[in-house]
Amino acid sequence: MFVFDRPFSRLSPQNFIDDYLIKLHAKHVVAGFDFTFGRMARGNMENIDDYSRSMFSYSIVPKVEIHGQKVSSTYIRSLITEGAVENVPDYLGRAYEITGTVVHGDKRGRTLGFPTANIESEEPFVLPALGVYIVKMKVDGQWRSGVCSIGVRPTFYDKDGKVTVEVHLLLRWRLV
């Protein structure tokens, strides 16, 4: 695992290129037009050739804007954390997804007539803002519609404040 620490933040642009791109035998580097590297962001895609020692080639990804907004992972994460997930497909090119495993919960939802699948993820996903969302959930290879609650359960667990992800799958009605 890579850690952005103080020594790394102090690398010169040349040391970054030597220690991380050349030493890793990079053959071709692809980065966005605004990518910077090295101490005080002195290295960038306009001057990368000065540091490359002709050991790799590179491509610059041009700026992409949608609705007047630069497409970036930072902006996409902000849409998600603000709960504006309906806008994410415009910038991500697809709906935002979280994967996880259904785990046992307290089973309170089923006593209220709304059983939920409690989802736990091993991956560190960015979660949407606390709230209720219309979702699709893949179950046994089939997509099902549902309602997802992302939140804490203060009525039952006011001390831990742990955020939970629970999905109530909607029934499919069939007329005979």
N, C-alpha and C. Protein backbone atom coordinates (compact mmCIF):
# COMPACT_ATOMS: atom_id res chain seq x y z
N MET A 1 0.84 -1.18 0.00
CA MET A 1 0.00 0.00 0.00
C MET A 1 0.88 1.24 0.00
N PHE A 2 0.48 2.20 -0.79
CA PHE A 2 1.20 3.45 -0.92
C PHE A 2 0.70 4.45 0.12
N VAL A 3 1.62 5.15 0.74
CA VAL A 3 1.27 6.16 1.73
C VAL A 3 1.85 7.50 1.30
N PHE A 4 0.96 8.50 1.21
CA PHE A 4 1.43 9.86 0.92
C PHE A 4 1.85 10.46 2.25
N ASP A 5 3.15 10.47 2.50
CA ASP A 5 3.66 10.97 3.77
C ASP A 5 4.57 12.18 3.53
N ARG A 6 5.14 12.69 4.61
CA ARG A 6 5.99 13.88 4.52
C ARG A 6 7.19 13.68 3.60
N PRO A 7 7.95 12.59 3.74
CA PRO A 7 9.10 12.41 2.82
C PRO A 7 8.66 12.37 1.35
N PHE A 8 7.54 11.69 1.08
CA PHE A 8 7.07 11.62 -0.31
C PHE A 8 6.67 13.01 -0.80
N SER A 9 6.02 13.79 0.05
CA SER A 9 5.58 15.12 -0.35
C SER A 9 6.74 16.06 -0.66
N ARG A 10 7.93 15.70 -0.19
CA ARG A 10 9.10 16.55 -0.39
C ARG A 10 9.96 16.13 -1.58
N LEU A 11 9.57 15.07 -2.27
CA LEU A 11 10.35 14.63 -3.43
C LEU A 11 10.36 15.71 -4.50
N SER A 12 11.51 15.90 -5.11
CA SER A 12 11.58 16.81 -6.25
C SER A 12 10.88 16.15 -7.43
N PRO A 13 10.49 16.92 -8.43
CA PRO A 13 9.91 16.28 -9.61
C PRO A 13 10.83 15.22 -10.22
N GLN A 14 12.12 15.49 -10.27
CA GLN A 14 13.06 14.52 -10.85
C GLN A 14 13.11 13.24 -10.01
N ASN A 15 13.14 13.38 -8.68
CA ASN A 15 13.17 12.19 -7.82
C ASN A 15 11.88 11.38 -7.96
N PHE A 16 10.74 12.07 -8.09
CA PHE A 16 9.48 11.35 -8.29
C PHE A 16 9.55 10.52 -9.57
N ILE A 17 9.99 11.15 -10.66
CA ILE A 17 10.09 10.43 -11.94
C ILE A 17 11.09 9.28 -11.83
N ASP A 18 12.26 9.54 -11.26
CA ASP A 18 13.28 8.50 -11.15
C ASP A 18 12.85 7.34 -10.25
N ASP A 19 12.31 7.67 -9.07
CA ASP A 19 11.99 6.65 -8.08
C ASP A 19 10.68 5.91 -8.33
N TYR A 20 9.75 6.55 -9.04
CA TYR A 20 8.44 5.91 -9.19
C TYR A 20 8.08 5.55 -10.63
N LEU A 21 8.55 6.25 -11.59
CA LEU A 21 8.20 5.89 -12.97
C LEU A 21 9.33 5.12 -13.65
N ILE A 22 10.53 5.66 -13.60
CA ILE A 22 11.65 4.98 -14.26
C ILE A 22 12.00 3.69 -13.51
N LYS A 23 12.06 3.74 -12.19
CA LYS A 23 12.41 2.55 -11.40
C LYS A 23 11.36 1.44 -11.55
N LEU A 24 10.11 1.83 -11.79
CA LEU A 24 9.05 0.83 -12.00
C LEU A 24 8.95 0.41 -13.47
N HIS A 25 9.87 0.90 -14.29
CA HIS A 25 9.94 0.52 -15.71
C HIS A 25 8.70 0.93 -16.51
N ALA A 26 8.17 2.09 -16.19
CA ALA A 26 7.03 2.60 -16.95
C ALA A 26 7.46 2.77 -18.40
N LYS A 27 6.61 2.36 -19.30
CA LYS A 27 6.90 2.50 -20.73
C LYS A 27 6.13 3.67 -21.33
N HIS A 28 4.90 3.85 -20.82
CA HIS A 28 4.07 4.95 -21.31
C HIS A 28 3.23 5.44 -20.14
N VAL A 29 3.22 6.74 -19.93
CA VAL A 29 2.49 7.36 -18.84
C VAL A 29 1.32 8.15 -19.43
N VAL A 30 0.15 7.95 -18.84
CA VAL A 30 -1.04 8.69 -19.26
C VAL A 30 -1.54 9.47 -18.05
N ALA A 31 -1.71 10.78 -18.22
CA ALA A 31 -2.19 11.60 -17.11
C ALA A 31 -2.99 12.77 -17.66
N GLY A 32 -3.83 13.32 -16.80
CA GLY A 32 -4.66 14.45 -17.17
C GLY A 32 -3.85 15.71 -17.38
N PHE A 33 -4.42 16.63 -18.12
CA PHE A 33 -3.77 17.90 -18.46
C PHE A 33 -3.32 18.68 -17.23
N ASP A 34 -3.99 18.46 -16.09
CA ASP A 34 -3.67 19.22 -14.89
C ASP A 34 -2.93 18.40 -13.84
N PHE A 35 -2.39 17.24 -14.23
CA PHE A 35 -1.64 16.40 -13.29
C PHE A 35 -0.33 17.09 -12.91
N THR A 36 -0.03 17.09 -11.61
CA THR A 36 1.23 17.64 -11.13
C THR A 36 1.94 16.62 -10.26
N PHE A 37 3.23 16.77 -10.15
CA PHE A 37 4.03 15.85 -9.33
C PHE A 37 5.23 16.59 -8.78
N GLY A 38 5.80 16.02 -7.73
CA GLY A 38 6.97 16.62 -7.12
C GLY A 38 6.63 17.75 -6.17
N ARG A 39 7.61 18.10 -5.39
CA ARG A 39 7.42 19.13 -4.37
C ARG A 39 6.85 20.41 -4.97
N MET A 40 5.84 20.95 -4.28
CA MET A 40 5.17 22.18 -4.65
C MET A 40 4.57 22.10 -6.07
N ALA A 41 4.28 20.86 -6.50
CA ALA A 41 3.64 20.63 -7.80
C ALA A 41 4.43 21.27 -8.94
N ARG A 42 5.74 21.22 -8.84
CA ARG A 42 6.58 21.85 -9.88
C ARG A 42 6.63 21.02 -11.16
N GLY A 43 6.40 19.72 -11.03
CA GLY A 43 6.35 18.89 -12.22
C GLY A 43 4.93 18.84 -12.74
N ASN A 44 4.80 18.86 -14.05
CA ASN A 44 3.46 18.78 -14.64
C ASN A 44 3.57 18.17 -16.03
N MET A 45 2.45 18.04 -16.69
CA MET A 45 2.45 17.38 -17.99
C MET A 45 3.08 18.25 -19.08
N GLU A 46 3.23 19.53 -18.82
CA GLU A 46 3.90 20.40 -19.79
C GLU A 46 5.42 20.24 -19.72
N ASN A 47 5.94 19.87 -18.52
CA ASN A 47 7.40 19.75 -18.40
C ASN A 47 7.86 18.32 -18.09
N ILE A 48 6.99 17.34 -18.19
CA ILE A 48 7.36 15.96 -17.86
C ILE A 48 8.50 15.46 -18.74
N ASP A 49 8.55 15.94 -19.97
CA ASP A 49 9.62 15.52 -20.88
C ASP A 49 10.99 15.92 -20.35
N ASP A 50 11.05 17.04 -19.62
CA ASP A 50 12.31 17.50 -19.04
C ASP A 50 12.85 16.52 -18.00
N TYR A 51 11.97 15.76 -17.37
CA TYR A 51 12.36 14.85 -16.30
C TYR A 51 12.42 13.38 -16.74
N SER A 52 11.87 13.06 -17.89
CA SER A 52 11.68 11.65 -18.28
C SER A 52 12.95 10.91 -18.65
N ARG A 53 14.02 11.64 -18.93
CA ARG A 53 15.29 11.04 -19.37
C ARG A 53 15.08 10.16 -20.61
N SER A 54 14.03 10.44 -21.35
CA SER A 54 13.66 9.68 -22.56
C SER A 54 13.46 8.19 -22.27
N MET A 55 13.05 7.89 -21.02
CA MET A 55 12.87 6.49 -20.61
C MET A 55 11.43 6.01 -20.82
N PHE A 56 10.51 6.92 -21.08
CA PHE A 56 9.11 6.54 -21.34
C PHE A 56 8.47 7.62 -22.20
N SER A 57 7.40 7.22 -22.83
CA SER A 57 6.60 8.19 -23.58
C SER A 57 5.40 8.56 -22.72
N TYR A 58 4.65 9.54 -23.17
CA TYR A 58 3.50 9.96 -22.36
C TYR A 58 2.41 10.53 -23.25
N SER A 59 1.20 10.49 -22.72
CA SER A 59 0.04 11.08 -23.37
C SER A 59 -0.66 11.97 -22.36
N ILE A 60 -1.17 13.08 -22.84
CA ILE A 60 -1.89 14.01 -21.98
C ILE A 60 -3.39 13.90 -22.31
N VAL A 61 -4.18 13.62 -21.29
CA VAL A 61 -5.63 13.56 -21.46
C VAL A 61 -6.15 14.99 -21.35
N PRO A 62 -6.84 15.46 -22.40
CA PRO A 62 -7.32 16.85 -22.36
C PRO A 62 -8.46 17.05 -21.37
N LYS A 63 -8.72 18.30 -21.06
CA LYS A 63 -9.81 18.66 -20.15
C LYS A 63 -11.14 18.27 -20.78
N VAL A 64 -12.01 17.67 -19.97
CA VAL A 64 -13.35 17.32 -20.41
C VAL A 64 -14.32 18.03 -19.47
N GLU A 65 -15.28 18.72 -20.08
CA GLU A 65 -16.30 19.42 -19.29
C GLU A 65 -17.68 18.92 -19.68
N ILE A 66 -18.53 18.82 -18.68
CA ILE A 66 -19.94 18.49 -18.88
C ILE A 66 -20.74 19.50 -18.07
N HIS A 67 -21.72 20.10 -18.69
CA HIS A 67 -22.54 21.13 -18.03
C HIS A 67 -21.65 22.23 -17.44
N GLY A 68 -20.54 22.55 -18.13
CA GLY A 68 -19.64 23.60 -17.68
C GLY A 68 -18.76 23.22 -16.51
N GLN A 69 -18.77 21.94 -16.11
CA GLN A 69 -18.00 21.47 -14.95
C GLN A 69 -16.91 20.51 -15.42
N LYS A 70 -15.69 20.71 -14.95
CA LYS A 70 -14.60 19.79 -15.29
C LYS A 70 -14.91 18.41 -14.72
N VAL A 71 -14.78 17.39 -15.55
CA VAL A 71 -14.98 16.01 -15.09
C VAL A 71 -13.71 15.60 -14.35
N SER A 72 -13.89 15.20 -13.09
CA SER A 72 -12.75 14.76 -12.29
C SER A 72 -13.24 13.83 -11.19
N SER A 73 -12.34 13.01 -10.69
CA SER A 73 -12.72 12.10 -9.61
C SER A 73 -13.11 12.90 -8.36
N THR A 74 -12.48 14.03 -8.14
CA THR A 74 -12.82 14.88 -6.99
C THR A 74 -14.26 15.36 -7.09
N TYR A 75 -14.66 15.82 -8.28
CA TYR A 75 -16.02 16.31 -8.46
C TYR A 75 -17.03 15.17 -8.33
N ILE A 76 -16.72 14.01 -8.90
CA ILE A 76 -17.62 12.86 -8.81
C ILE A 76 -17.80 12.45 -7.35
N ARG A 77 -16.71 12.39 -6.58
CA ARG A 77 -16.81 12.06 -5.16
C ARG A 77 -17.67 13.08 -4.42
N SER A 78 -17.53 14.35 -4.77
CA SER A 78 -18.33 15.37 -4.08
C SER A 78 -19.82 15.20 -4.39
N LEU A 79 -20.16 14.84 -5.63
CA LEU A 79 -21.56 14.58 -5.95
C LEU A 79 -22.10 13.45 -5.09
N ILE A 80 -21.31 12.39 -4.95
CA ILE A 80 -21.74 11.22 -4.16
C ILE A 80 -21.92 11.61 -2.70
N THR A 81 -20.92 12.23 -2.11
CA THR A 81 -20.99 12.54 -0.67
C THR A 81 -22.06 13.58 -0.35
N GLU A 82 -22.43 14.40 -1.34
CA GLU A 82 -23.50 15.38 -1.14
C GLU A 82 -24.88 14.76 -1.37
N GLY A 83 -24.90 13.50 -1.84
CA GLY A 83 -26.17 12.83 -2.08
C GLY A 83 -26.77 13.12 -3.45
N ALA A 84 -26.03 13.75 -4.33
CA ALA A 84 -26.52 14.07 -5.68
C ALA A 84 -26.20 12.94 -6.65
N VAL A 85 -26.49 11.71 -6.22
CA VAL A 85 -26.11 10.54 -7.03
C VAL A 85 -26.83 10.48 -8.37
N GLU A 86 -27.96 11.17 -8.51
CA GLU A 86 -28.67 11.18 -9.79
C GLU A 86 -27.86 11.89 -10.87
N ASN A 87 -26.90 12.74 -10.48
CA ASN A 87 -26.05 13.45 -11.43
C ASN A 87 -24.76 12.71 -11.77
N VAL A 88 -24.43 11.70 -10.99
CA VAL A 88 -23.17 10.99 -11.17
C VAL A 88 -23.02 10.33 -12.54
N PRO A 89 -24.06 9.69 -13.10
CA PRO A 89 -23.88 9.06 -14.42
C PRO A 89 -23.43 10.01 -15.52
N ASP A 90 -23.81 11.27 -15.44
CA ASP A 90 -23.36 12.24 -16.44
C ASP A 90 -21.84 12.33 -16.47
N TYR A 91 -21.20 12.24 -15.31
CA TYR A 91 -19.76 12.44 -15.20
C TYR A 91 -18.98 11.13 -15.15
N LEU A 92 -19.59 10.08 -14.61
CA LEU A 92 -18.92 8.79 -14.48
C LEU A 92 -19.16 7.90 -15.70
N GLY A 93 -20.24 8.18 -16.42
CA GLY A 93 -20.57 7.37 -17.58
C GLY A 93 -21.42 6.16 -17.24
N ARG A 94 -21.76 6.03 -15.99
CA ARG A 94 -22.60 4.92 -15.51
C ARG A 94 -23.10 5.29 -14.12
N ALA A 95 -24.06 4.50 -13.64
CA ALA A 95 -24.55 4.72 -12.28
C ALA A 95 -23.45 4.34 -11.28
N TYR A 96 -23.47 5.00 -10.14
CA TYR A 96 -22.51 4.67 -9.08
C TYR A 96 -22.91 3.35 -8.45
N GLU A 97 -21.93 2.50 -8.17
CA GLU A 97 -22.19 1.18 -7.58
C GLU A 97 -21.37 0.97 -6.32
N ILE A 98 -21.95 0.23 -5.41
CA ILE A 98 -21.25 -0.26 -4.23
C ILE A 98 -21.47 -1.77 -4.23
N THR A 99 -20.45 -2.51 -3.89
CA THR A 99 -20.63 -3.95 -3.78
C THR A 99 -20.38 -4.38 -2.35
N GLY A 100 -21.02 -5.45 -1.97
CA GLY A 100 -20.85 -5.94 -0.62
C GLY A 100 -21.57 -7.26 -0.43
N THR A 101 -21.55 -7.71 0.77
CA THR A 101 -22.17 -8.98 1.14
C THR A 101 -23.34 -8.70 2.07
N VAL A 102 -24.42 -9.46 1.87
CA VAL A 102 -25.56 -9.34 2.77
C VAL A 102 -25.19 -10.03 4.08
N VAL A 103 -25.36 -9.32 5.16
CA VAL A 103 -25.03 -9.87 6.48
C VAL A 103 -26.27 -9.80 7.37
N HIS A 104 -26.25 -10.60 8.43
CA HIS A 104 -27.38 -10.59 9.37
C HIS A 104 -27.40 -9.30 10.16
N GLY A 105 -28.59 -8.77 10.31
CA GLY A 105 -28.78 -7.58 11.13
C GLY A 105 -29.63 -7.95 12.34
N ASP A 106 -30.32 -6.98 12.87
CA ASP A 106 -31.16 -7.21 14.05
C ASP A 106 -32.53 -7.78 13.70
N LYS A 107 -32.86 -7.81 12.40
CA LYS A 107 -34.13 -8.35 11.90
C LYS A 107 -35.34 -7.54 12.37
N ARG A 108 -35.14 -6.26 12.67
CA ARG A 108 -36.27 -5.42 13.09
C ARG A 108 -37.17 -5.06 11.91
N GLY A 109 -36.57 -4.87 10.72
CA GLY A 109 -37.34 -4.48 9.55
C GLY A 109 -38.40 -5.48 9.18
N ARG A 110 -38.10 -6.76 9.33
CA ARG A 110 -39.10 -7.78 8.96
C ARG A 110 -40.29 -7.77 9.91
N THR A 111 -40.08 -7.38 11.17
CA THR A 111 -41.22 -7.31 12.09
C THR A 111 -42.11 -6.12 11.78
N LEU A 112 -41.57 -5.14 11.05
CA LEU A 112 -42.33 -3.96 10.65
C LEU A 112 -42.91 -4.10 9.24
N GLY A 113 -42.65 -5.24 8.60
CA GLY A 113 -43.15 -5.46 7.25
C GLY A 113 -42.23 -4.95 6.15
N PHE A 114 -41.02 -4.54 6.52
CA PHE A 114 -40.04 -4.05 5.55
C PHE A 114 -38.69 -4.72 5.79
N PRO A 115 -38.57 -5.99 5.44
CA PRO A 115 -37.28 -6.65 5.65
C PRO A 115 -36.19 -5.99 4.79
N THR A 116 -35.01 -5.90 5.35
CA THR A 116 -33.91 -5.27 4.62
C THR A 116 -32.73 -6.22 4.53
N ALA A 117 -31.97 -6.03 3.46
CA ALA A 117 -30.69 -6.71 3.31
C ALA A 117 -29.65 -5.73 3.82
N ASN A 118 -28.94 -6.12 4.85
CA ASN A 118 -27.87 -5.30 5.42
C ASN A 118 -26.60 -5.57 4.62
N ILE A 119 -26.04 -4.54 4.04
CA ILE A 119 -24.89 -4.69 3.16
C ILE A 119 -23.62 -4.25 3.87
N GLU A 120 -22.64 -5.13 3.87
CA GLU A 120 -21.31 -4.78 4.38
C GLU A 120 -20.33 -4.94 3.25
N SER A 121 -19.43 -3.98 3.13
CA SER A 121 -18.45 -4.01 2.07
C SER A 121 -17.06 -4.16 2.64
N GLU A 122 -16.24 -4.94 1.95
CA GLU A 122 -14.84 -5.05 2.35
C GLU A 122 -14.02 -3.93 1.73
N GLU A 123 -14.56 -3.33 0.67
CA GLU A 123 -13.88 -2.24 -0.02
C GLU A 123 -14.25 -0.90 0.62
N PRO A 124 -13.34 0.05 0.61
CA PRO A 124 -13.65 1.37 1.17
C PRO A 124 -14.34 2.26 0.14
N PHE A 125 -15.65 2.06 -0.06
CA PHE A 125 -16.41 2.86 -1.01
C PHE A 125 -16.76 4.21 -0.43
N VAL A 126 -16.90 5.20 -1.31
CA VAL A 126 -17.44 6.49 -0.91
C VAL A 126 -18.94 6.31 -0.81
N LEU A 127 -19.50 6.59 0.36
CA LEU A 127 -20.94 6.44 0.53
C LEU A 127 -21.66 7.74 0.26
N PRO A 128 -22.84 7.65 -0.33
CA PRO A 128 -23.65 8.86 -0.51
C PRO A 128 -24.02 9.46 0.85
N ALA A 129 -24.49 10.69 0.81
CA ALA A 129 -24.95 11.36 2.03
C ALA A 129 -26.02 10.52 2.69
N LEU A 130 -26.16 10.66 3.99
CA LEU A 130 -27.21 9.93 4.71
C LEU A 130 -28.56 10.26 4.08
N GLY A 131 -29.36 9.21 3.87
CA GLY A 131 -30.65 9.43 3.24
C GLY A 131 -31.22 8.13 2.71
N VAL A 132 -32.29 8.27 1.95
CA VAL A 132 -32.98 7.13 1.35
C VAL A 132 -32.92 7.30 -0.16
N TYR A 133 -32.55 6.23 -0.85
CA TYR A 133 -32.33 6.27 -2.28
C TYR A 133 -33.08 5.14 -2.98
N ILE A 134 -33.52 5.40 -4.20
CA ILE A 134 -34.06 4.34 -5.05
C ILE A 134 -32.86 3.66 -5.69
N VAL A 135 -32.81 2.33 -5.62
CA VAL A 135 -31.64 1.60 -6.10
C VAL A 135 -32.05 0.37 -6.91
N LYS A 136 -31.05 -0.19 -7.55
CA LYS A 136 -31.18 -1.51 -8.15
C LYS A 136 -30.13 -2.37 -7.47
N MET A 137 -30.52 -3.60 -7.13
CA MET A 137 -29.62 -4.51 -6.42
C MET A 137 -29.58 -5.82 -7.19
N LYS A 138 -28.38 -6.33 -7.43
CA LYS A 138 -28.22 -7.58 -8.15
C LYS A 138 -28.29 -8.74 -7.16
N VAL A 139 -29.28 -9.59 -7.36
CA VAL A 139 -29.49 -10.74 -6.48
C VAL A 139 -29.57 -11.98 -7.35
N ASP A 140 -28.70 -12.94 -7.10
CA ASP A 140 -28.67 -14.17 -7.89
C ASP A 140 -28.65 -13.89 -9.38
N GLY A 141 -27.84 -12.91 -9.78
CA GLY A 141 -27.68 -12.60 -11.20
C GLY A 141 -28.78 -11.77 -11.81
N GLN A 142 -29.80 -11.40 -11.04
CA GLN A 142 -30.90 -10.60 -11.57
C GLN A 142 -30.98 -9.26 -10.83
N TRP A 143 -31.29 -8.21 -11.60
CA TRP A 143 -31.43 -6.88 -11.01
C TRP A 143 -32.83 -6.71 -10.44
N ARG A 144 -32.89 -6.23 -9.21
CA ARG A 144 -34.16 -6.00 -8.52
C ARG A 144 -34.20 -4.55 -8.06
N SER A 145 -35.38 -3.96 -8.10
CA SER A 145 -35.55 -2.59 -7.62
C SER A 145 -35.69 -2.59 -6.11
N GLY A 146 -35.22 -1.53 -5.49
CA GLY A 146 -35.32 -1.44 -4.04
C GLY A 146 -35.18 -0.02 -3.55
N VAL A 147 -35.27 0.10 -2.24
CA VAL A 147 -35.10 1.36 -1.55
C VAL A 147 -33.96 1.14 -0.56
N CYS A 148 -32.98 2.03 -0.61
CA CYS A 148 -31.79 1.88 0.22
C CYS A 148 -31.74 3.00 1.26
N SER A 149 -31.51 2.61 2.50
CA SER A 149 -31.32 3.58 3.57
C SER A 149 -29.84 3.59 3.94
N ILE A 150 -29.25 4.75 3.87
CA ILE A 150 -27.88 4.92 4.33
C ILE A 150 -27.96 5.85 5.53
N GLY A 151 -27.62 5.32 6.69
CA GLY A 151 -27.75 6.15 7.88
C GLY A 151 -27.35 5.45 9.15
N VAL A 152 -27.59 6.12 10.23
CA VAL A 152 -27.34 5.58 11.56
C VAL A 152 -28.69 5.17 12.14
N ARG A 153 -28.66 4.37 13.17
CA ARG A 153 -29.91 3.92 13.79
C ARG A 153 -29.97 4.46 15.22
N PRO A 154 -30.23 5.76 15.38
CA PRO A 154 -30.15 6.37 16.71
C PRO A 154 -31.19 5.83 17.68
N THR A 155 -32.31 5.32 17.17
CA THR A 155 -33.33 4.78 18.06
C THR A 155 -32.79 3.58 18.82
N PHE A 156 -31.93 2.81 18.16
CA PHE A 156 -31.43 1.58 18.76
C PHE A 156 -29.96 1.66 19.17
N TYR A 157 -29.18 2.48 18.48
CA TYR A 157 -27.74 2.53 18.73
C TYR A 157 -27.26 3.97 18.78
N ASP A 158 -27.72 4.75 19.72
CA ASP A 158 -27.37 6.16 19.73
C ASP A 158 -25.92 6.43 20.07
N LYS A 159 -25.21 5.44 20.55
CA LYS A 159 -23.84 5.70 20.97
C LYS A 159 -22.81 5.43 19.88
N ASP A 160 -23.00 4.39 19.04
CA ASP A 160 -21.93 4.05 18.10
C ASP A 160 -21.94 4.90 16.84
N GLY A 161 -23.10 5.36 16.39
CA GLY A 161 -23.17 6.22 15.21
C GLY A 161 -22.68 5.56 13.94
N LYS A 162 -22.59 4.25 13.92
CA LYS A 162 -22.10 3.53 12.74
C LYS A 162 -23.09 3.68 11.59
N VAL A 163 -22.57 4.03 10.43
CA VAL A 163 -23.41 4.19 9.24
C VAL A 163 -23.69 2.80 8.68
N THR A 164 -24.96 2.54 8.40
CA THR A 164 -25.35 1.25 7.83
C THR A 164 -25.94 1.47 6.44
N VAL A 165 -25.85 0.42 5.64
CA VAL A 165 -26.44 0.40 4.31
C VAL A 165 -27.44 -0.74 4.31
N GLU A 166 -28.73 -0.40 4.17
CA GLU A 166 -29.78 -1.41 4.19
C GLU A 166 -30.67 -1.23 2.98
N VAL A 167 -30.98 -2.35 2.31
CA VAL A 167 -31.82 -2.29 1.11
C VAL A 167 -33.08 -3.11 1.33
N HIS A 168 -34.23 -2.48 1.06
CA HIS A 168 -35.50 -3.18 1.06
C HIS A 168 -35.86 -3.41 -0.40
N LEU A 169 -35.94 -4.68 -0.80
CA LEU A 169 -36.28 -5.00 -2.18
C LEU A 169 -37.78 -4.90 -2.39
N LEU A 170 -38.15 -4.29 -3.49
CA LEU A 170 -39.58 -4.14 -3.81
C LEU A 170 -40.08 -5.41 -4.48
N LEU A 171 -41.29 -5.79 -4.16
CA LEU A 171 -41.88 -7.00 -4.74
C LEU A 171 -42.22 -6.76 -6.20
N ARG A 172 -42.14 -7.82 -6.96
CA ARG A 172 -42.57 -7.77 -8.35
C ARG A 172 -43.96 -8.36 -8.41
N TRP A 173 -44.90 -7.55 -8.82
CA TRP A 173 -46.28 -8.00 -8.88
C TRP A 173 -46.54 -8.66 -10.23
N ARG A 174 -47.24 -9.74 -10.17
CA ARG A 174 -47.59 -10.46 -11.38
C ARG A 174 -49.09 -10.61 -11.47
N LEU A 175 -49.65 -10.22 -12.58
CA LEU A 175 -51.09 -10.41 -12.79
C LEU A 175 -51.30 -11.75 -13.48
N VAL A 176 -52.24 -12.54 -12.98
CA VAL A 176 -52.51 -13.84 -13.62
C VAL A 176 -53.83 -13.84 -14.33
